[in-house]
Amino acid sequence: MLPQKNRLIKEKDFNRIHKFGNFTGENFLAIKFQRNNLEVSRFGFLVGTKISKKAVERNLVKRRLRESIHLKLNNIKPGYDIIFLTKPEIVGKSYEKIDKAVENVLRKAILFLKR
C-alpha cells in the first residue's frame, strides 16, 4: 500500500498539476508532473470511465499502478507531484507490462534515479 505521505489527494493539487505540469507519455500510460517543494514525491492516479465502464477493471488498474509505484519509491526523485493518466489500452494488460510502462515513463521524465 502506498504510504499516506506519498498520496496526492486534494483537488486543488490535481488542478495545479493539470494546469502547470509537464507531460510525457507512452502507449497506454502518461504522466503530468510538477515540483512540490516537499521532501517526498506524491502520486495520483486517474482512471476514468472512458477507460472502462466496469469499476472492477478500473480498480484493478489503479491497484497495479499503486503497487508498481510502492515498489519503486526509493528509486523515484523526491520533491515531485505526479499524476498517472491512463488510456483505454491499459485494460487487460498484465502487471509486468504496466510495471515496465511506469518505469519507462518515469525514466522519460527523468524522475527515475539510476542505481
PDB file of N, CA and C in Angstrom:
ATOM      1  N   MET A   1       0.846  -1.184   0.000  1.00  0.00           N
ATOM      2  CA  MET A   1       0.000   0.000   0.000  1.00  0.00           C
ATOM      3  C   MET A   1       0.889   1.245   0.000  1.00  0.00           C
ATOM      4  N   LEU A   2       0.476   2.238  -0.723  1.00  0.00           N
ATOM      5  CA  LEU A   2       1.217   3.491  -0.829  1.00  0.00           C
ATOM      6  C   LEU A   2       1.047   4.279   0.470  1.00  0.00           C
ATOM      7  N   PRO A   3       2.148   4.707   1.098  1.00  0.00           N
ATOM      8  CA  PRO A   3       2.042   5.462   2.356  1.00  0.00           C
ATOM      9  C   PRO A   3       1.238   6.758   2.180  1.00  0.00           C
ATOM     10  N   GLN A   4       0.592   7.188   3.244  1.00  0.00           N
ATOM     11  CA  GLN A   4      -0.261   8.381   3.221  1.00  0.00           C
ATOM     12  C   GLN A   4       0.505   9.614   2.731  1.00  0.00           C
ATOM     13  N   LYS A   5       1.753   9.769   3.154  1.00  0.00           N
ATOM     14  CA  LYS A   5       2.537  10.951   2.773  1.00  0.00           C
ATOM     15  C   LYS A   5       2.852  10.984   1.273  1.00  0.00           C
ATOM     16  N   ASN A   6       2.716   9.852   0.592  1.00  0.00           N
ATOM     17  CA  ASN A   6       3.007   9.773  -0.837  1.00  0.00           C
ATOM     18  C   ASN A   6       1.751   9.807  -1.704  1.00  0.00           C
ATOM     19  N   ARG A   7       0.614  10.142  -1.112  1.00  0.00           N
ATOM     20  CA  ARG A   7      -0.638  10.170  -1.868  1.00  0.00           C
ATOM     21  C   ARG A   7      -1.014  11.609  -2.204  1.00  0.00           C
ATOM     22  N   LEU A   8      -1.447  11.793  -3.407  1.00  0.00           N
ATOM     23  CA  LEU A   8      -1.942  13.085  -3.871  1.00  0.00           C
ATOM     24  C   LEU A   8      -3.461  13.009  -3.800  1.00  0.00           C
ATOM     25  N   ILE A   9      -4.066  13.817  -2.936  1.00  0.00           N
ATOM     26  CA  ILE A   9      -5.490  13.655  -2.658  1.00  0.00           C
ATOM     27  C   ILE A   9      -6.313  14.890  -3.020  1.00  0.00           C
ATOM     28  N   LYS A  10      -5.812  16.070  -2.714  1.00  0.00           N
ATOM     29  CA  LYS A  10      -6.609  17.290  -2.838  1.00  0.00           C
ATOM     30  C   LYS A  10      -6.848  17.697  -4.293  1.00  0.00           C
ATOM     31  N   GLU A  11      -8.063  18.119  -4.548  1.00  0.00           N
ATOM     32  CA  GLU A  11      -8.456  18.523  -5.899  1.00  0.00           C
ATOM     33  C   GLU A  11      -7.633  19.715  -6.389  1.00  0.00           C
ATOM     34  N   LYS A  12      -7.297  20.642  -5.476  1.00  0.00           N
ATOM     35  CA  LYS A  12      -6.513  21.809  -5.895  1.00  0.00           C
ATOM     36  C   LYS A  12      -5.123  21.402  -6.382  1.00  0.00           C
ATOM     37  N   ASP A  13      -4.553  20.337  -5.804  1.00  0.00           N
ATOM     38  CA  ASP A  13      -3.257  19.841  -6.262  1.00  0.00           C
ATOM     39  C   ASP A  13      -3.375  19.239  -7.664  1.00  0.00           C
ATOM     40  N   PHE A  14      -4.425  18.460  -7.892  1.00  0.00           N
ATOM     41  CA  PHE A  14      -4.659  17.876  -9.218  1.00  0.00           C
ATOM     42  C   PHE A  14      -4.833  18.992 -10.258  1.00  0.00           C
ATOM     43  N   ASN A  15      -5.611  20.010  -9.913  1.00  0.00           N
ATOM     44  CA  ASN A  15      -5.854  21.113 -10.846  1.00  0.00           C
ATOM     45  C   ASN A  15      -4.562  21.874 -11.155  1.00  0.00           C
ATOM     46  N   ARG A  16      -3.731  22.110 -10.136  1.00  0.00           N
ATOM     47  CA  ARG A  16      -2.454  22.807 -10.321  1.00  0.00           C
ATOM     48  C   ARG A  16      -1.553  22.036 -11.273  1.00  0.00           C
ATOM     49  N   ILE A  17      -1.476  20.745 -11.084  1.00  0.00           N
ATOM     50  CA  ILE A  17      -0.609  19.922 -11.936  1.00  0.00           C
ATOM     51  C   ILE A  17      -1.151  19.876 -13.362  1.00  0.00           C
ATOM     52  N   HIS A  18      -2.465  19.752 -13.516  1.00  0.00           N
ATOM     53  CA  HIS A  18      -3.055  19.735 -14.857  1.00  0.00           C
ATOM     54  C   HIS A  18      -2.784  21.044 -15.592  1.00  0.00           C
ATOM     55  N   LYS A  19      -2.835  22.155 -14.861  1.00  0.00           N
ATOM     56  CA  LYS A  19      -2.667  23.459 -15.490  1.00  0.00           C
ATOM     57  C   LYS A  19      -1.209  23.788 -15.792  1.00  0.00           C
ATOM     58  N   PHE A  20      -0.303  23.501 -14.849  1.00  0.00           N
ATOM     59  CA  PHE A  20       1.076  23.952 -14.975  1.00  0.00           C
ATOM     60  C   PHE A  20       2.099  22.841 -15.156  1.00  0.00           C
ATOM     61  N   GLY A  21       1.694  21.582 -15.028  1.00  0.00           N
ATOM     62  CA  GLY A  21       2.643  20.471 -15.034  1.00  0.00           C
ATOM     63  C   GLY A  21       3.202  20.129 -16.406  1.00  0.00           C
ATOM     64  N   ASN A  22       4.325  19.420 -16.391  1.00  0.00           N
ATOM     65  CA  ASN A  22       4.937  18.899 -17.611  1.00  0.00           C
ATOM     66  C   ASN A  22       4.302  17.552 -17.944  1.00  0.00           C
ATOM     67  N   PHE A  23       4.342  17.191 -19.222  1.00  0.00           N
ATOM     68  CA  PHE A  23       3.672  15.977 -19.687  1.00  0.00           C
ATOM     69  C   PHE A  23       4.648  15.079 -20.426  1.00  0.00           C
ATOM     70  N   THR A  24       4.538  13.784 -20.196  1.00  0.00           N
ATOM     71  CA  THR A  24       5.235  12.789 -21.010  1.00  0.00           C
ATOM     72  C   THR A  24       4.399  11.513 -20.979  1.00  0.00           C
ATOM     73  N   GLY A  25       4.520  10.715 -22.033  1.00  0.00           N
ATOM     74  CA  GLY A  25       3.683   9.525 -22.087  1.00  0.00           C
ATOM     75  C   GLY A  25       4.246   8.427 -22.951  1.00  0.00           C
ATOM     76  N   GLU A  26       3.565   7.291 -22.897  1.00  0.00           N
ATOM     77  CA  GLU A  26       3.879   6.102 -23.688  1.00  0.00           C
ATOM     78  C   GLU A  26       2.591   5.620 -24.344  1.00  0.00           C
ATOM     79  N   ASN A  27       2.578   4.350 -24.729  1.00  0.00           N
ATOM     80  CA  ASN A  27       1.433   3.781 -25.445  1.00  0.00           C
ATOM     81  C   ASN A  27       0.122   3.920 -24.677  1.00  0.00           C
ATOM     82  N   PHE A  28       0.066   3.374 -23.473  1.00  0.00           N
ATOM     83  CA  PHE A  28      -1.191   3.360 -22.726  1.00  0.00           C
ATOM     84  C   PHE A  28      -1.097   4.054 -21.382  1.00  0.00           C
ATOM     85  N   LEU A  29       0.012   4.782 -21.143  1.00  0.00           N
ATOM     86  CA  LEU A  29       0.221   5.431 -19.856  1.00  0.00           C
ATOM     87  C   LEU A  29       0.937   6.751 -20.067  1.00  0.00           C
ATOM     88  N   ALA A  30       0.503   7.781 -19.346  1.00  0.00           N
ATOM     89  CA  ALA A  30       1.141   9.087 -19.427  1.00  0.00           C
ATOM     90  C   ALA A  30       1.219   9.672 -18.018  1.00  0.00           C
ATOM     91  N   ILE A  31       2.088  10.670 -17.838  1.00  0.00           N
ATOM     92  CA  ILE A  31       2.162  11.353 -16.547  1.00  0.00           C
ATOM     93  C   ILE A  31       2.202  12.856 -16.766  1.00  0.00           C
ATOM     94  N   LYS A  32       1.679  13.567 -15.792  1.00  0.00           N
ATOM     95  CA  LYS A  32       1.872  15.005 -15.664  1.00  0.00           C
ATOM     96  C   LYS A  32       2.572  15.180 -14.325  1.00  0.00           C
ATOM     97  N   PHE A  33       3.590  16.025 -14.289  1.00  0.00           N
ATOM     98  CA  PHE A  33       4.367  16.168 -13.058  1.00  0.00           C
ATOM     99  C   PHE A  33       4.814  17.601 -12.870  1.00  0.00           C
ATOM    100  N   GLN A  34       5.041  17.945 -11.592  1.00  0.00           N
ATOM    101  CA  GLN A  34       5.491  19.278 -11.236  1.00  0.00           C
ATOM    102  C   GLN A  34       6.181  19.203  -9.877  1.00  0.00           C
ATOM    103  N   ARG A  35       7.166  20.091  -9.674  1.00  0.00           N
ATOM    104  CA  ARG A  35       7.845  20.140  -8.370  1.00  0.00           C
ATOM    105  C   ARG A  35       6.855  20.552  -7.292  1.00  0.00           C
ATOM    106  N   ASN A  36       7.061  20.024  -6.063  1.00  0.00           N
ATOM    107  CA  ASN A  36       6.121  20.334  -4.989  1.00  0.00           C
ATOM    108  C   ASN A  36       6.768  20.961  -3.755  1.00  0.00           C
ATOM    109  N   ASN A  37       8.086  21.163  -3.757  1.00  0.00           N
ATOM    110  CA  ASN A  37       8.805  21.775  -2.639  1.00  0.00           C
ATOM    111  C   ASN A  37       8.627  21.009  -1.323  1.00  0.00           C
ATOM    112  N   LEU A  38       8.422  19.723  -1.413  1.00  0.00           N
ATOM    113  CA  LEU A  38       8.358  18.850  -0.234  1.00  0.00           C
ATOM    114  C   LEU A  38       9.531  17.876  -0.296  1.00  0.00           C
ATOM    115  N   GLU A  39       9.714  17.113   0.757  1.00  0.00           N
ATOM    116  CA  GLU A  39      10.807  16.139   0.788  1.00  0.00           C
ATOM    117  C   GLU A  39      10.412  14.796   0.192  1.00  0.00           C
ATOM    118  N   VAL A  40       9.150  14.644  -0.160  1.00  0.00           N
ATOM    119  CA  VAL A  40       8.674  13.387  -0.734  1.00  0.00           C
ATOM    120  C   VAL A  40       7.937  13.663  -2.041  1.00  0.00           C
ATOM    121  N   SER A  41       7.864  12.655  -2.863  1.00  0.00           N
ATOM    122  CA  SER A  41       7.044  12.741  -4.064  1.00  0.00           C
ATOM    123  C   SER A  41       5.666  12.189  -3.746  1.00  0.00           C
ATOM    124  N   ARG A  42       4.646  12.802  -4.353  1.00  0.00           N
ATOM    125  CA  ARG A  42       3.275  12.360  -4.141  1.00  0.00           C
ATOM    126  C   ARG A  42       2.683  11.930  -5.481  1.00  0.00           C
ATOM    127  N   PHE A  43       1.792  10.948  -5.427  1.00  0.00           N
ATOM    128  CA  PHE A  43       1.260  10.337  -6.643  1.00  0.00           C
ATOM    129  C   PHE A  43      -0.258  10.323  -6.641  1.00  0.00           C
ATOM    130  N   GLY A  44      -0.830  10.576  -7.801  1.00  0.00           N
ATOM    131  CA  GLY A  44      -2.270  10.479  -8.013  1.00  0.00           C
ATOM    132  C   GLY A  44      -2.511   9.629  -9.249  1.00  0.00           C
ATOM    133  N   PHE A  45      -3.666   8.999  -9.313  1.00  0.00           N
ATOM    134  CA  PHE A  45      -3.978   8.086 -10.414  1.00  0.00           C
ATOM    135  C   PHE A  45      -5.356   8.422 -10.964  1.00  0.00           C
ATOM    136  N   LEU A  46      -5.431   8.676 -12.262  1.00  0.00           N
ATOM    137  CA  LEU A  46      -6.706   8.964 -12.909  1.00  0.00           C
ATOM    138  C   LEU A  46      -7.050   7.824 -13.862  1.00  0.00           C
ATOM    139  N   VAL A  47      -8.093   7.098 -13.498  1.00  0.00           N
ATOM    140  CA  VAL A  47      -8.581   6.011 -14.341  1.00  0.00           C
ATOM    141  C   VAL A  47     -10.089   6.220 -14.445  1.00  0.00           C
ATOM    142  N   GLY A  48     -10.501   6.923 -15.472  1.00  0.00           N
ATOM    143  CA  GLY A  48     -11.897   7.318 -15.618  1.00  0.00           C
ATOM    144  C   GLY A  48     -12.755   6.275 -16.288  1.00  0.00           C
ATOM    145  N   THR A  49     -14.039   6.605 -16.412  1.00  0.00           N
ATOM    146  CA  THR A  49     -14.984   5.668 -17.025  1.00  0.00           C
ATOM    147  C   THR A  49     -14.755   5.524 -18.526  1.00  0.00           C
ATOM    148  N   LYS A  50     -13.971   6.406 -19.131  1.00  0.00           N
ATOM    149  CA  LYS A  50     -13.619   6.226 -20.541  1.00  0.00           C
ATOM    150  C   LYS A  50     -12.686   5.030 -20.712  1.00  0.00           C
ATOM    151  N   ILE A  51     -11.956   4.697 -19.657  1.00  0.00           N
ATOM    152  CA  ILE A  51     -11.044   3.550 -19.685  1.00  0.00           C
ATOM    153  C   ILE A  51     -11.857   2.265 -19.699  1.00  0.00           C
ATOM    154  N   SER A  52     -12.821   2.178 -18.794  1.00  0.00           N
ATOM    155  CA  SER A  52     -13.713   1.024 -18.733  1.00  0.00           C
ATOM    156  C   SER A  52     -14.960   1.428 -17.959  1.00  0.00           C
ATOM    157  N   LYS A  53     -16.083   0.927 -18.382  1.00  0.00           N
ATOM    158  CA  LYS A  53     -17.328   1.196 -17.654  1.00  0.00           C
ATOM    159  C   LYS A  53     -17.404   0.369 -16.369  1.00  0.00           C
ATOM    160  N   LYS A  54     -16.588  -0.669 -16.291  1.00  0.00           N
ATOM    161  CA  LYS A  54     -16.633  -1.582 -15.144  1.00  0.00           C
ATOM    162  C   LYS A  54     -15.679  -1.107 -14.053  1.00  0.00           C
ATOM    163  N   ALA A  55     -16.216  -0.843 -12.864  1.00  0.00           N
ATOM    164  CA  ALA A  55     -15.413  -0.384 -11.735  1.00  0.00           C
ATOM    165  C   ALA A  55     -14.336  -1.410 -11.359  1.00  0.00           C
ATOM    166  N   VAL A  56     -14.668  -2.684 -11.520  1.00  0.00           N
ATOM    167  CA  VAL A  56     -13.717  -3.748 -11.191  1.00  0.00           C
ATOM    168  C   VAL A  56     -12.443  -3.600 -12.016  1.00  0.00           C
ATOM    169  N   GLU A  57     -12.585  -3.329 -13.304  1.00  0.00           N
ATOM    170  CA  GLU A  57     -11.417  -3.181 -14.175  1.00  0.00           C
ATOM    171  C   GLU A  57     -10.644  -1.907 -13.858  1.00  0.00           C
ATOM    172  N   ARG A  58     -11.346  -0.806 -13.581  1.00  0.00           N
ATOM    173  CA  ARG A  58     -10.670   0.448 -13.240  1.00  0.00           C
ATOM    174  C   ARG A  58      -9.898   0.298 -11.936  1.00  0.00           C
ATOM    175  N   ASN A  59     -10.495  -0.342 -10.946  1.00  0.00           N
ATOM    176  CA  ASN A  59      -9.822  -0.529  -9.661  1.00  0.00           C
ATOM    177  C   ASN A  59      -8.615  -1.445  -9.789  1.00  0.00           C
ATOM    178  N   LEU A  60      -8.699  -2.456 -10.631  1.00  0.00           N
ATOM    179  CA  LEU A  60      -7.564  -3.348 -10.856  1.00  0.00           C
ATOM    180  C   LEU A  60      -6.385  -2.568 -11.441  1.00  0.00           C
ATOM    181  N   VAL A  61      -6.665  -1.703 -12.392  1.00  0.00           N
ATOM    182  CA  VAL A  61      -5.611  -0.874 -12.997  1.00  0.00           C
ATOM    183  C   VAL A  61      -4.977   0.016 -11.936  1.00  0.00           C
ATOM    184  N   LYS A  62      -5.807   0.659 -11.103  1.00  0.00           N
ATOM    185  CA  LYS A  62      -5.274   1.533 -10.050  1.00  0.00           C
ATOM    186  C   LYS A  62      -4.426   0.759  -9.045  1.00  0.00           C
ATOM    187  N   ARG A  63      -4.868  -0.434  -8.663  1.00  0.00           N
ATOM    188  CA  ARG A  63      -4.098  -1.249  -7.712  1.00  0.00           C
ATOM    189  C   ARG A  63      -2.746  -1.617  -8.294  1.00  0.00           C
ATOM    190  N   ARG A  64      -2.716  -1.977  -9.574  1.00  0.00           N
ATOM    191  CA  ARG A  64      -1.451  -2.348 -10.217  1.00  0.00           C
ATOM    192  C   ARG A  64      -0.516  -1.150 -10.307  1.00  0.00           C
ATOM    193  N   LEU A  65      -1.048   0.015 -10.638  1.00  0.00           N
ATOM    194  CA  LEU A  65      -0.218   1.223 -10.700  1.00  0.00           C
ATOM    195  C   LEU A  65       0.334   1.575  -9.320  1.00  0.00           C
ATOM    196  N   ARG A  66      -0.516   1.527  -8.295  1.00  0.00           N
ATOM    197  CA  ARG A  66      -0.070   1.845  -6.930  1.00  0.00           C
ATOM    198  C   ARG A  66       1.020   0.893  -6.459  1.00  0.00           C
ATOM    199  N   GLU A  67       0.848  -0.384  -6.732  1.00  0.00           N
ATOM    200  CA  GLU A  67       1.841  -1.363  -6.299  1.00  0.00           C
ATOM    201  C   GLU A  67       3.165  -1.140  -7.020  1.00  0.00           C
ATOM    202  N   SER A  68       3.108  -0.832  -8.288  1.00  0.00           N
ATOM    203  CA  SER A  68       4.323  -0.562  -9.049  1.00  0.00           C
ATOM    204  C   SER A  68       5.077   0.626  -8.452  1.00  0.00           C
ATOM    205  N   ILE A  69       4.357   1.683  -8.119  1.00  0.00           N
ATOM    206  CA  ILE A  69       4.982   2.867  -7.507  1.00  0.00           C
ATOM    207  C   ILE A  69       5.516   2.528  -6.119  1.00  0.00           C
ATOM    208  N   HIS A  70       4.742   1.798  -5.350  1.00  0.00           N
ATOM    209  CA  HIS A  70       5.164   1.426  -3.991  1.00  0.00           C
ATOM    210  C   HIS A  70       6.513   0.712  -4.002  1.00  0.00           C
ATOM    211  N   LEU A  71       6.707  -0.191  -4.956  1.00  0.00           N
ATOM    212  CA  LEU A  71       7.960  -0.945  -5.029  1.00  0.00           C
ATOM    213  C   LEU A  71       9.120  -0.104  -5.567  1.00  0.00           C
ATOM    214  N   LYS A  72       8.817   0.994  -6.236  1.00  0.00           N
ATOM    215  CA  LYS A  72       9.852   1.844  -6.834  1.00  0.00           C
ATOM    216  C   LYS A  72      10.100   3.134  -6.049  1.00  0.00           C
ATOM    217  N   LEU A  73       9.436   3.345  -4.931  1.00  0.00           N
ATOM    218  CA  LEU A  73       9.521   4.612  -4.197  1.00  0.00           C
ATOM    219  C   LEU A  73      10.958   5.065  -3.931  1.00  0.00           C
ATOM    220  N   ASN A  74      11.838   4.139  -3.588  1.00  0.00           N
ATOM    221  CA  ASN A  74      13.218   4.506  -3.276  1.00  0.00           C
ATOM    222  C   ASN A  74      13.986   4.966  -4.508  1.00  0.00           C
ATOM    223  N   ASN A  75      13.503   4.638  -5.694  1.00  0.00           N
ATOM    224  CA  ASN A  75      14.200   4.988  -6.933  1.00  0.00           C
ATOM    225  C   ASN A  75      13.581   6.178  -7.660  1.00  0.00           C
ATOM    226  N   ILE A  76      12.603   6.835  -7.049  1.00  0.00           N
ATOM    227  CA  ILE A  76      11.954   7.980  -7.671  1.00  0.00           C
ATOM    228  C   ILE A  76      12.429   9.248  -6.981  1.00  0.00           C
ATOM    229  N   LYS A  77      12.774  10.254  -7.783  1.00  0.00           N
ATOM    230  CA  LYS A  77      13.255  11.526  -7.235  1.00  0.00           C
ATOM    231  C   LYS A  77      12.237  12.115  -6.274  1.00  0.00           C
ATOM    232  N   PRO A  78      12.680  12.558  -5.104  1.00  0.00           N
ATOM    233  CA  PRO A  78      11.761  13.213  -4.172  1.00  0.00           C
ATOM    234  C   PRO A  78      11.463  14.647  -4.612  1.00  0.00           C
ATOM    235  N   GLY A  79      10.344  15.179  -4.155  1.00  0.00           N
ATOM    236  CA  GLY A  79      10.022  16.570  -4.409  1.00  0.00           C
ATOM    237  C   GLY A  79       9.153  16.821  -5.622  1.00  0.00           C
ATOM    238  N   TYR A  80       8.390  15.824  -6.059  1.00  0.00           N
ATOM    239  CA  TYR A  80       7.526  15.987  -7.232  1.00  0.00           C
ATOM    240  C   TYR A  80       6.122  15.497  -6.930  1.00  0.00           C
ATOM    241  N   ASP A  81       5.141  16.150  -7.548  1.00  0.00           N
ATOM    242  CA  ASP A  81       3.769  15.651  -7.582  1.00  0.00           C
ATOM    243  C   ASP A  81       3.583  15.049  -8.964  1.00  0.00           C
ATOM    244  N   ILE A  82       3.102  13.814  -9.010  1.00  0.00           N
ATOM    245  CA  ILE A  82       2.985  13.093 -10.272  1.00  0.00           C
ATOM    246  C   ILE A  82       1.578  12.511 -10.388  1.00  0.00           C
ATOM    247  N   ILE A  83       0.933  12.778 -11.525  1.00  0.00           N
ATOM    248  CA  ILE A  83      -0.375  12.196 -11.803  1.00  0.00           C
ATOM    249  C   ILE A  83      -0.212  11.218 -12.963  1.00  0.00           C
ATOM    250  N   PHE A  84      -0.691   9.997 -12.768  1.00  0.00           N
ATOM    251  CA  PHE A  84      -0.675   8.983 -13.819  1.00  0.00           C
ATOM    252  C   PHE A  84      -2.007   9.024 -14.559  1.00  0.00           C
ATOM    253  N   LEU A  85      -1.928   9.207 -15.868  1.00  0.00           N
ATOM    254  CA  LEU A  85      -3.103   9.256 -16.731  1.00  0.00           C
ATOM    255  C   LEU A  85      -3.116   7.984 -17.571  1.00  0.00           C
ATOM    256  N   THR A  86      -4.248   7.328 -17.628  1.00  0.00           N
ATOM    257  CA  THR A  86      -4.318   6.060 -18.354  1.00  0.00           C
ATOM    258  C   THR A  86      -5.126   6.208 -19.632  1.00  0.00           C
ATOM    259  N   LYS A  87      -4.874   5.300 -20.555  1.00  0.00           N
ATOM    260  CA  LYS A  87      -5.616   5.233 -21.811  1.00  0.00           C
ATOM    261  C   LYS A  87      -6.333   3.878 -21.856  1.00  0.00           C
ATOM    262  N   PRO A  88      -7.392   3.761 -22.638  1.00  0.00           N
ATOM    263  CA  PRO A  88      -8.194   2.526 -22.649  1.00  0.00           C
ATOM    264  C   PRO A  88      -7.398   1.249 -22.928  1.00  0.00           C
ATOM    265  N   GLU A  89      -6.281   1.352 -23.612  1.00  0.00           N
ATOM    266  CA  GLU A  89      -5.491   0.164 -23.952  1.00  0.00           C
ATOM    267  C   GLU A  89      -4.886  -0.512 -22.710  1.00  0.00           C
ATOM    268  N   ILE A  90      -4.896   0.160 -21.560  1.00  0.00           N
ATOM    269  CA  ILE A  90      -4.292  -0.414 -20.350  1.00  0.00           C
ATOM    270  C   ILE A  90      -5.127  -1.567 -19.787  1.00  0.00           C
ATOM    271  N   VAL A  91      -6.423  -1.586 -20.096  1.00  0.00           N
ATOM    272  CA  VAL A  91      -7.299  -2.646 -19.589  1.00  0.00           C
ATOM    273  C   VAL A  91      -6.853  -3.982 -20.173  1.00  0.00           C
ATOM    274  N   GLY A  92      -6.665  -4.957 -19.304  1.00  0.00           N
ATOM    275  CA  GLY A  92      -6.257  -6.284 -19.746  1.00  0.00           C
ATOM    276  C   GLY A  92      -4.754  -6.489 -19.792  1.00  0.00           C
ATOM    277  N   LYS A  93      -3.977  -5.434 -19.544  1.00  0.00           N
ATOM    278  CA  LYS A  93      -2.511  -5.579 -19.532  1.00  0.00           C
ATOM    279  C   LYS A  93      -2.093  -6.265 -18.238  1.00  0.00           C
ATOM    280  N   SER A  94      -1.048  -7.055 -18.322  1.00  0.00           N
ATOM    281  CA  SER A  94      -0.543  -7.744 -17.143  1.00  0.00           C
ATOM    282  C   SER A  94       0.200  -6.761 -16.238  1.00  0.00           C
ATOM    283  N   TYR A  95       0.393  -7.153 -14.993  1.00  0.00           N
ATOM    284  CA  TYR A  95       1.125  -6.309 -14.050  1.00  0.00           C
ATOM    285  C   TYR A  95       2.524  -6.010 -14.568  1.00  0.00           C
ATOM    286  N   GLU A  96       3.182  -6.998 -15.166  1.00  0.00           N
ATOM    287  CA  GLU A  96       4.546  -6.817 -15.659  1.00  0.00           C
ATOM    288  C   GLU A  96       4.608  -5.726 -16.734  1.00  0.00           C
ATOM    289  N   LYS A  97       3.627  -5.707 -17.643  1.00  0.00           N
ATOM    290  CA  LYS A  97       3.610  -4.689 -18.695  1.00  0.00           C
ATOM    291  C   LYS A  97       3.347  -3.299 -18.117  1.00  0.00           C
ATOM    292  N   ILE A  98       2.435  -3.228 -17.145  1.00  0.00           N
ATOM    293  CA  ILE A  98       2.144  -1.948 -16.504  1.00  0.00           C
ATOM    294  C   ILE A  98       3.360  -1.462 -15.730  1.00  0.00           C
ATOM    295  N   ASP A  99       4.015  -2.366 -15.013  1.00  0.00           N
ATOM    296  CA  ASP A  99       5.210  -2.026 -14.240  1.00  0.00           C
ATOM    297  C   ASP A  99       6.317  -1.490 -15.150  1.00  0.00           C
ATOM    298  N   LYS A 100       6.516  -2.152 -16.266  1.00  0.00           N
ATOM    299  CA  LYS A 100       7.534  -1.722 -17.237  1.00  0.00           C
ATOM    300  C   LYS A 100       7.190  -0.346 -17.810  1.00  0.00           C
ATOM    301  N   ALA A 101       5.910  -0.108 -18.110  1.00  0.00           N
ATOM    302  CA  ALA A 101       5.474   1.183 -18.649  1.00  0.00           C
ATOM    303  C   ALA A 101       5.671   2.298 -17.624  1.00  0.00           C
ATOM    304  N   VAL A 102       5.385   2.012 -16.346  1.00  0.00           N
ATOM    305  CA  VAL A 102       5.593   3.005 -15.284  1.00  0.00           C
ATOM    306  C   VAL A 102       7.065   3.404 -15.230  1.00  0.00           C
ATOM    307  N   GLU A 103       7.939   2.416 -15.234  1.00  0.00           N
ATOM    308  CA  GLU A 103       9.376   2.705 -15.185  1.00  0.00           C
ATOM    309  C   GLU A 103       9.820   3.500 -16.421  1.00  0.00           C
ATOM    310  N   ASN A 104       9.345   3.116 -17.594  1.00  0.00           N
ATOM    311  CA  ASN A 104       9.723   3.813 -18.828  1.00  0.00           C
ATOM    312  C   ASN A 104       9.270   5.274 -18.815  1.00  0.00           C
ATOM    313  N   VAL A 105       8.049   5.517 -18.371  1.00  0.00           N
ATOM    314  CA  VAL A 105       7.528   6.884 -18.342  1.00  0.00           C
ATOM    315  C   VAL A 105       8.311   7.729 -17.336  1.00  0.00           C
ATOM    316  N   LEU A 106       8.631   7.148 -16.175  1.00  0.00           N
ATOM    317  CA  LEU A 106       9.406   7.892 -15.180  1.00  0.00           C
ATOM    318  C   LEU A 106      10.821   8.176 -15.675  1.00  0.00           C
ATOM    319  N   ARG A 107      11.416   7.234 -16.383  1.00  0.00           N
ATOM    320  CA  ARG A 107      12.745   7.466 -16.964  1.00  0.00           C
ATOM    321  C   ARG A 107      12.688   8.567 -18.023  1.00  0.00           C
ATOM    322  N   LYS A 108      11.650   8.550 -18.828  1.00  0.00           N
ATOM    323  CA  LYS A 108      11.472   9.558 -19.873  1.00  0.00           C
ATOM    324  C   LYS A 108      11.378  10.965 -19.268  1.00  0.00           C
ATOM    325  N   ALA A 109      10.739  11.061 -18.112  1.00  0.00           N
ATOM    326  CA  ALA A 109      10.567  12.345 -17.433  1.00  0.00           C
ATOM    327  C   ALA A 109      11.759  12.689 -16.550  1.00  0.00           C
ATOM    328  N   ILE A 110      12.772  11.828 -16.536  1.00  0.00           N
ATOM    329  CA  ILE A 110      13.980  11.979 -15.719  1.00  0.00           C
ATOM    330  C   ILE A 110      13.614  12.083 -14.232  1.00  0.00           C
ATOM    331  N   LEU A 111      12.684  11.274 -13.800  1.00  0.00           N
ATOM    332  CA  LEU A 111      12.276  11.206 -12.405  1.00  0.00           C
ATOM    333  C   LEU A 111      12.730   9.907 -11.745  1.00  0.00           C
ATOM    334  N   PHE A 112      13.303   9.025 -12.518  1.00  0.00           N
ATOM    335  CA  PHE A 112      13.739   7.725 -12.002  1.00  0.00           C
ATOM    336  C   PHE A 112      15.242   7.780 -11.747  1.00  0.00           C
ATOM    337  N   LEU A 113      15.638   7.539 -10.510  1.00  0.00           N
ATOM    338  CA  LEU A 113      17.052   7.565 -10.163  1.00  0.00           C
ATOM    339  C   LEU A 113      17.743   6.322 -10.698  1.00  0.00           C
ATOM    340  N   LYS A 114      18.929   6.488 -11.214  1.00  0.00           N
ATOM    341  CA  LYS A 114      19.687   5.349 -11.726  1.00  0.00           C
ATOM    342  C   LYS A 114      20.543   4.784 -10.612  1.00  0.00           C
ATOM    343  N   ARG A 115      20.288   3.535 -10.273  1.00  0.00           N
ATOM    344  CA  ARG A 115      21.080   2.866  -9.226  1.00  0.00           C
ATOM    345  C   ARG A 115      21.637   1.584  -9.748  1.00  0.00           C
TER     346      ARG A 115
END
